[in-house]
C-alpha atoms as a PDB file:
ATOM      1  CA  MET A   1     -14.725   0.756  18.716  1.00  0.00           C
ATOM      2  CA  PRO A   2     -10.960  -0.114  18.274  1.00  0.00           C
ATOM      3  CA  THR A   3      -9.883  -0.240  14.562  1.00  0.00           C
ATOM      4  CA  LEU A   4      -7.099  -2.389  13.000  1.00  0.00           C
ATOM      5  CA  THR A   5      -5.857  -2.459   9.429  1.00  0.00           C
ATOM      6  CA  ALA A   6      -6.144  -5.617   7.373  1.00  0.00           C
ATOM      7  CA  ARG A   7      -2.514  -5.616   6.941  1.00  0.00           C
ATOM      8  CA  THR A   8      -1.852  -5.682  10.747  1.00  0.00           C
ATOM      9  CA  ILE A   9      -4.730  -7.789  12.245  1.00  0.00           C
ATOM     10  CA  PRO A  10      -3.435 -11.169  13.618  1.00  0.00           C
ATOM     11  CA  LEU A  11      -5.322 -14.448  12.201  1.00  0.00           C
ATOM     12  CA  TYR A  12      -6.434 -15.395  15.635  1.00  0.00           C
ATOM     13  CA  GLU A  13      -8.183 -12.102  16.223  1.00  0.00           C
ATOM     14  CA  LEU A  14      -9.914 -12.236  12.932  1.00  0.00           C
ATOM     15  CA  GLU A  15     -11.057 -15.893  13.596  1.00  0.00           C
ATOM     16  CA  GLU A  16     -12.238 -14.816  17.284  1.00  0.00           C
ATOM     17  CA  HIS A  17     -14.184 -11.666  16.445  1.00  0.00           C
ATOM     18  CA  PHE A  18     -15.718 -12.815  13.142  1.00  0.00           C
ATOM     19  CA  GLN A  19     -16.805 -16.314  13.878  1.00  0.00           C
ATOM     20  CA  LEU A  20     -14.280 -17.657  11.249  1.00  0.00           C
ATOM     21  CA  GLN A  21     -13.234 -21.300  11.203  1.00  0.00           C
ATOM     22  CA  PHE A  22     -10.654 -23.051   9.076  1.00  0.00           C
ATOM     23  CA  THR A  23     -11.322 -26.449   7.484  1.00  0.00           C
ATOM     24  CA  ASP A  24      -8.743 -28.612   5.566  1.00  0.00           C
ATOM     25  CA  ASP A  25     -11.577 -30.753   3.997  1.00  0.00           C
ATOM     26  CA  LEU A  26     -10.799 -31.128   0.228  1.00  0.00           C
ATOM     27  CA  ALA A  27     -14.678 -31.589  -0.378  1.00  0.00           C
ATOM     28  CA  ALA A  28     -15.236 -27.955   0.743  1.00  0.00           C
ATOM     29  CA  PHE A  29     -13.299 -26.452  -2.137  1.00  0.00           C
ATOM     30  CA  PRO A  30     -13.782 -28.578  -5.382  1.00  0.00           C
ATOM     31  CA  GLU A  31     -13.505 -25.581  -7.653  1.00  0.00           C
ATOM     32  CA  TRP A  32      -9.666 -25.841  -7.769  1.00  0.00           C
ATOM     33  CA  GLN A  33      -9.630 -29.579  -8.339  1.00  0.00           C
ATOM     34  CA  ASN A  34     -12.309 -30.676 -10.588  1.00  0.00           C
ATOM     35  CA  ASP A  35     -13.485 -30.110 -14.162  1.00  0.00           C
ATOM     36  CA  LEU A  36     -11.014 -27.400 -14.904  1.00  0.00           C
ATOM     37  CA  PRO A  37     -11.047 -25.905 -18.472  1.00  0.00           C
ATOM     38  CA  GLU A  38      -8.307 -27.030 -20.967  1.00  0.00           C
ATOM     39  CA  LEU A  39      -5.782 -24.364 -21.924  1.00  0.00           C
ATOM     40  CA  THR A  40      -4.990 -23.562 -25.562  1.00  0.00           C
ATOM     41  CA  VAL A  41      -1.387 -23.774 -26.790  1.00  0.00           C
ATOM     42  CA  SER A  42      -1.194 -20.075 -27.125  1.00  0.00           C
ATOM     43  CA  GLU A  43      -2.481 -19.706 -23.446  1.00  0.00           C
ATOM     44  CA  GLN A  44       0.354 -22.053 -22.248  1.00  0.00           C
ATOM     45  CA  GLU A  45       2.805 -20.157 -24.317  1.00  0.00           C
ATOM     46  CA  ARG A  46       1.837 -16.861 -22.706  1.00  0.00           C
ATOM     47  CA  CYS A  47       2.034 -18.370 -19.230  1.00  0.00           C
ATOM     48  CA  ASP A  48       5.539 -19.373 -20.137  1.00  0.00           C
ATOM     49  CA  ARG A  49       6.397 -15.871 -21.281  1.00  0.00           C
ATOM     50  CA  ILE A  50       5.095 -14.607 -17.909  1.00  0.00           C
ATOM     51  CA  LYS A  51       7.332 -17.014 -16.122  1.00  0.00           C
ATOM     52  CA  ALA A  52      10.288 -15.985 -18.195  1.00  0.00           C
ATOM     53  CA  SER A  53       9.616 -12.257 -17.633  1.00  0.00           C
ATOM     54  CA  TYR A  54       9.274 -12.743 -13.912  1.00  0.00           C
ATOM     55  CA  THR A  55      12.433 -14.775 -13.655  1.00  0.00           C
ATOM     56  CA  TYR A  56      14.387 -12.251 -15.563  1.00  0.00           C
ATOM     57  CA  LEU A  57      13.159  -9.478 -13.327  1.00  0.00           C
ATOM     58  CA  LEU A  58      14.243 -11.239 -10.142  1.00  0.00           C
ATOM     59  CA  ARG A  59      17.811 -10.498 -11.189  1.00  0.00           C
ATOM     60  CA  TYR A  60      17.167  -6.891 -10.467  1.00  0.00           C
ATOM     61  CA  PRO A  61      15.490  -6.633  -6.894  1.00  0.00           C
ATOM     62  CA  PRO A  62      13.456  -5.435  -5.218  1.00  0.00           C
ATOM     63  CA  LEU A  63      10.481  -6.814  -7.210  1.00  0.00           C
ATOM     64  CA  LEU A  64       7.631  -4.762  -5.542  1.00  0.00           C
ATOM     65  CA  GLU A  65       3.832  -5.320  -5.423  1.00  0.00           C
ATOM     66  CA  ASN A  66       3.113  -2.998  -8.441  1.00  0.00           C
ATOM     67  CA  THR A  67       5.630  -4.866 -10.571  1.00  0.00           C
ATOM     68  CA  VAL A  68       4.018  -8.193  -9.476  1.00  0.00           C
ATOM     69  CA  LYS A  69       0.635  -6.920 -10.642  1.00  0.00           C
ATOM     70  CA  LEU A  70       1.973  -5.514 -13.912  1.00  0.00           C
ATOM     71  CA  VAL A  71       3.941  -8.522 -14.979  1.00  0.00           C
ATOM     72  CA  VAL A  72       2.060 -11.466 -13.516  1.00  0.00           C
ATOM     73  CA  LEU A  73      -1.495 -10.632 -12.553  1.00  0.00           C
ATOM     74  CA  SER A  74      -2.638  -8.396 -15.368  1.00  0.00           C
ATOM     75  CA  PRO A  75      -1.885 -10.994 -18.134  1.00  0.00           C
ATOM     76  CA  LEU A  76      -3.491 -13.762 -16.080  1.00  0.00           C
ATOM     77  CA  LEU A  77      -6.661 -11.689 -15.529  1.00  0.00           C
ATOM     78  CA  ASP A  78      -6.774 -10.779 -19.141  1.00  0.00           C
ATOM     79  CA  MET A  79      -6.557 -14.496 -20.187  1.00  0.00           C
ATOM     80  CA  ALA A  80      -9.147 -15.511 -17.754  1.00  0.00           C
ATOM     81  CA  GLY A  81     -11.518 -13.030 -19.404  1.00  0.00           C
ATOM     82  CA  PHE A  82     -12.038 -10.569 -16.422  1.00  0.00           C
ATOM     83  CA  PHE A  83     -11.249  -7.496 -18.354  1.00  0.00           C
ATOM     84  CA  LEU A  84     -14.399  -8.120 -20.548  1.00  0.00           C
ATOM     85  CA  PRO A  85     -18.131  -8.126 -19.926  1.00  0.00           C
ATOM     86  CA  PRO A  86     -19.806  -9.015 -17.678  1.00  0.00           C
ATOM     87  CA  PHE A  87     -16.916  -8.406 -15.334  1.00  0.00           C
ATOM     88  CA  ARG A  88     -15.455  -5.159 -13.921  1.00  0.00           C
ATOM     89  CA  ILE A  89     -12.038  -4.521 -12.251  1.00  0.00           C
ATOM     90  CA  GLN A  90     -11.416  -2.252  -9.371  1.00  0.00           C
ATOM     91  CA  SER A  91      -7.947  -1.578  -7.888  1.00  0.00           C
ATOM     92  CA  GLU A  92      -7.220  -0.272  -4.348  1.00  0.00           C
ATOM     93  CA  ALA A  93     -10.822  -0.822  -3.326  1.00  0.00           C
ATOM     94  CA  SER A  94     -11.595   0.279   0.219  1.00  0.00           C
ATOM     95  CA  THR A  95     -13.128  -2.231   2.709  1.00  0.00           C
ATOM     96  CA  ALA A  96     -14.379  -2.132   6.244  1.00  0.00           C
ATOM     97  CA  ILE A  97     -15.890  -4.781   8.600  1.00  0.00           C
ATOM     98  CA  ALA A  98     -17.174  -4.560  12.054  1.00  0.00           C
ATOM     99  CA  ALA A  99     -17.429  -7.497  14.539  1.00  0.00           C
ATOM    100  CA  GLN A 100     -21.026  -8.240  15.723  1.00  0.00           C
ATOM    101  CA  ASP A 101     -19.899  -7.926  19.286  1.00  0.00           C
ATOM    102  CA  GLY A 102     -18.917  -4.190  18.579  1.00  0.00           C
ATOM    103  CA  GLU A 103     -15.340  -4.765  19.892  1.00  0.00           C
ATOM    104  CA  LEU A 104     -13.388  -4.513  16.634  1.00  0.00           C
ATOM    105  CA  ARG A 105     -13.352  -2.774  13.156  1.00  0.00           C
ATOM    106  CA  VAL A 106     -11.043  -3.787  10.345  1.00  0.00           C
ATOM    107  CA  THR A 107     -10.277  -1.429   7.245  1.00  0.00           C
ATOM    108  CA  GLY A 108      -8.095  -1.801   4.290  1.00  0.00           C
ATOM    109  CA  ASN A 109      -7.546  -1.454   0.540  1.00  0.00           C
ATOM    110  CA  LEU A 110      -7.295  -4.637  -1.419  1.00  0.00           C
ATOM    111  CA  ASP A 111      -5.088  -4.714  -4.557  1.00  0.00           C
ATOM    112  CA  VAL A 112      -7.530  -6.027  -7.176  1.00  0.00           C
ATOM    113  CA  LEU A 113     -11.152  -6.702  -7.023  1.00  0.00           C
ATOM    114  CA  VAL A 114     -13.072  -8.367  -9.827  1.00  0.00           C
ATOM    115  CA  LEU A 115     -16.878  -7.652  -9.849  1.00  0.00           C
ATOM    116  CA  TRP A 116     -19.889  -8.989 -11.466  1.00  0.00           C
ATOM    117  CA  GLU A 117     -22.861  -6.871 -10.979  1.00  0.00           C
ATOM    118  CA  SER A 118     -22.930  -6.419  -7.165  1.00  0.00           C
ATOM    119  CA  LEU A 119     -21.073  -9.566  -6.478  1.00  0.00           C
ATOM    120  CA  TRP A 120     -17.389  -9.987  -5.528  1.00  0.00           C
ATOM    121  CA  VAL A 121     -16.165 -12.732  -7.771  1.00  0.00           C
ATOM    122  CA  LEU A 122     -12.551 -12.539  -6.837  1.00  0.00           C
ATOM    123  CA  ALA A 123     -10.368 -10.574  -4.560  1.00  0.00           C
ATOM    124  CA  ILE A 124      -6.605 -10.648  -5.118  1.00  0.00           C
ATOM    125  CA  GLU A 125      -3.793  -9.541  -2.860  1.00  0.00           C
ATOM    126  CA  SER A 126      -0.316  -9.303  -4.309  1.00  0.00           C
ATOM    127  CA  LYS A 127       2.885  -9.068  -2.245  1.00  0.00           C
ATOM    128  CA  GLN A 128       6.490  -8.296  -2.739  1.00  0.00           C
ATOM    129  CA  ALA A 129       8.416 -11.343  -4.353  1.00  0.00           C
ATOM    130  CA  ALA A 130      10.208 -11.815  -1.009  1.00  0.00           C
ATOM    131  CA  PHE A 131       7.128 -12.067   1.085  1.00  0.00           C
ATOM    132  CA  SER A 132       5.779 -15.433   2.246  1.00  0.00           C
ATOM    133  CA  LEU A 133       2.126 -15.884   1.420  1.00  0.00           C
ATOM    134  CA  GLU A 134       1.169 -16.549   5.013  1.00  0.00           C
ATOM    135  CA  VAL A 135       1.672 -12.835   5.780  1.00  0.00           C
ATOM    136  CA  GLY A 136      -1.337 -12.034   3.654  1.00  0.00           C
ATOM    137  CA  ARG A 137      -3.865 -14.781   4.719  1.00  0.00           C
ATOM    138  CA  SER A 138      -5.551 -12.704   7.402  1.00  0.00           C
ATOM    139  CA  GLN A 139      -5.438  -9.699   5.162  1.00  0.00           C
ATOM    140  CA  LEU A 140      -7.173 -11.310   2.345  1.00  0.00           C
ATOM    141  CA  LEU A 141      -9.698 -13.018   4.627  1.00  0.00           C
ATOM    142  CA  SER A 142     -10.626  -9.516   6.055  1.00  0.00           C
ATOM    143  CA  TYR A 143     -11.518  -8.270   2.610  1.00  0.00           C
ATOM    144  CA  LEU A 144     -13.585 -11.375   1.658  1.00  0.00           C
ATOM    145  CA  LEU A 145     -15.604 -10.909   4.930  1.00  0.00           C
ATOM    146  CA  ALA A 146     -16.416  -7.355   3.780  1.00  0.00           C
ATOM    147  CA  ALA A 147     -17.803  -8.609   0.489  1.00  0.00           C
ATOM    148  CA  PRO A 148     -21.531  -7.557   0.130  1.00  0.00           C
ATOM    149  CA  ASN A 149     -22.464 -11.122  -0.675  1.00  0.00           C
ATOM    150  CA  ALA A 150     -20.220 -12.837   1.872  1.00  0.00           C
ATOM    151  CA  THR A 151     -23.184 -13.881   4.188  1.00  0.00           C
ATOM    152  CA  THR A 152     -25.096 -15.574   1.372  1.00  0.00           C
ATOM    153  CA  GLN A 153     -22.689 -17.325  -1.081  1.00  0.00           C
ATOM    154  CA  PRO A 154     -19.132 -18.381  -1.191  1.00  0.00           C
ATOM    155  CA  THR A 155     -16.402 -15.719  -2.081  1.00  0.00           C
ATOM    156  CA  TYR A 156     -13.010 -16.368  -3.543  1.00  0.00           C
ATOM    157  CA  GLY A 157      -9.649 -14.888  -3.139  1.00  0.00           C
ATOM    158  CA  VAL A 158      -6.152 -15.362  -4.480  1.00  0.00           C
ATOM    159  CA  LEU A 159      -2.793 -14.565  -2.677  1.00  0.00           C
ATOM    160  CA  THR A 160       0.274 -14.170  -4.720  1.00  0.00           C
ATOM    161  CA  ASN A 161       3.835 -12.935  -4.479  1.00  0.00           C
ATOM    162  CA  GLY A 162       4.313 -13.391  -8.185  1.00  0.00           C
ATOM    163  CA  ALA A 163       5.841 -16.698  -8.071  1.00  0.00           C
ATOM    164  CA  ASN A 164       3.496 -18.518  -5.690  1.00  0.00           C
ATOM    165  CA  PHE A 165      -0.348 -18.590  -5.659  1.00  0.00           C
ATOM    166  CA  ILE A 166      -2.902 -19.816  -3.089  1.00  0.00           C
ATOM    167  CA  PHE A 167      -6.698 -19.651  -3.633  1.00  0.00           C
ATOM    168  CA  ILE A 168      -9.026 -19.041  -0.576  1.00  0.00           C
ATOM    169  CA  LYS A 169     -12.700 -19.881  -0.420  1.00  0.00           C
ATOM    170  CA  LEU A 170     -14.789 -18.163   2.260  1.00  0.00           C
ATOM    171  CA  ILE A 171     -18.136 -20.186   2.958  1.00  0.00           C
ATOM    172  CA  PRO A 172     -20.944 -18.725   5.124  1.00  0.00           C
ATOM    173  CA  THR A 173     -23.078 -20.914   7.309  1.00  0.00           C
ATOM    174  CA  ALA A 174     -26.018 -20.199   9.644  1.00  0.00           C
ATOM    175  CA  THR A 175     -23.653 -19.595  12.641  1.00  0.00           C
ATOM    176  CA  HIS A 176     -20.189 -18.781  11.328  1.00  0.00           C
ATOM    177  CA  PHE A 177     -17.771 -18.491   8.376  1.00  0.00           C
ATOM    178  CA  THR A 178     -15.748 -21.421   7.208  1.00  0.00           C
ATOM    179  CA  TYR A 179     -12.654 -20.817   5.027  1.00  0.00           C
ATOM    180  CA  THR A 180     -10.348 -23.340   3.261  1.00  0.00           C
ATOM    181  CA  LEU A 181      -7.292 -23.080   0.974  1.00  0.00           C
ATOM    182  CA  SER A 182      -6.105 -24.672  -2.270  1.00  0.00           C
ATOM    183  CA  ASP A 183      -2.757 -26.184  -2.708  1.00  0.00           C
ATOM    184  CA  GLU A 184       0.045 -23.711  -3.373  1.00  0.00           C
ATOM    185  CA  PHE A 185       1.057 -23.361  -7.073  1.00  0.00           C
ATOM    186  CA  THR A 186       4.440 -21.950  -8.115  1.00  0.00           C
ATOM    187  CA  LEU A 187       5.829 -20.984 -11.513  1.00  0.00           C
ATOM    188  CA  ARG A 188       9.029 -22.448 -10.407  1.00  0.00           C
ATOM    189  CA  ASN A 189       7.929 -25.891 -11.127  1.00  0.00           C
ATOM    190  CA  HIS A 190       9.260 -27.487 -14.270  1.00  0.00           C
ATOM    191  CA  GLN A 191       5.555 -27.646 -15.425  1.00  0.00           C
ATOM    192  CA  ASN A 192       4.676 -23.980 -15.101  1.00  0.00           C
ATOM    193  CA  GLY A 193       2.349 -23.676 -12.147  1.00  0.00           C
ATOM    194  CA  LEU A 194       0.585 -20.721 -13.944  1.00  0.00           C
ATOM    195  CA  TYR A 195      -1.054 -23.325 -16.102  1.00  0.00           C
ATOM    196  CA  ARG A 196      -3.139 -24.524 -13.181  1.00  0.00           C
ATOM    197  CA  VAL A 197      -3.653 -20.962 -11.768  1.00  0.00           C
ATOM    198  CA  LEU A 198      -5.098 -19.874 -15.010  1.00  0.00           C
ATOM    199  CA  GLN A 199      -7.337 -22.996 -15.285  1.00  0.00           C
ATOM    200  CA  ILE A 200      -8.767 -22.157 -11.863  1.00  0.00           C
ATOM    201  CA  LEU A 201      -9.200 -18.483 -12.632  1.00  0.00           C
ATOM    202  CA  LYS A 202     -11.167 -19.360 -15.725  1.00  0.00           C
ATOM    203  CA  LYS A 203     -13.258 -21.941 -13.856  1.00  0.00           C
ATOM    204  CA  LEU A 204     -14.196 -19.298 -11.232  1.00  0.00           C
ATOM    205  CA  GLY A 205     -15.124 -16.897 -13.961  1.00  0.00           C
ATOM    206  CA  MET A 206     -17.333 -19.587 -15.530  1.00  0.00           C
ATOM    207  CA  ARG A 207     -19.407 -19.861 -12.434  1.00  0.00           C
ATOM    208  CA  HIS A 208     -20.874 -16.327 -12.944  1.00  0.00           C
END
């Protein structure tokens, strides 16, 4: 069986071999739009501090994945409550999926995995600051497809390069998988986009 890595597989191959379909229907992903928790003043101030730190570090490139995780992701996950029970964090978690037709296998290591019991609550893929988020879409989708609960309930992921964030929802059906995307949020907005990112992370955490 041919094997590709999650970092190199083209999106069309992933869609073809794993019965994966995209939908732009807003109703398929209400979690990023509705009934988001309010942030406290201290949470907003901490988001502003993350933005200031990231903006400062951009003056000294390259801003690599590990730095993005340290400066941006870690404090957001902390504020969202993912470092406390009932959640667990794994970094560089190995994944592998095989197509039902036996013609392809995809392996990889995702950056951050948030676990609740045996469920994948959230998979996060971070990139260098210079990277477009589009280069990580197929990579993150391959990780979500490998989740043990992927065939029975929705699984969520986040793509970020530190400044920009997109949430992905993978939805199983009887015959295929559907995936959909949130809007893109950026900390470069005058109203810090991390506010909305943190609200969505907290909302997803509250679901479990």
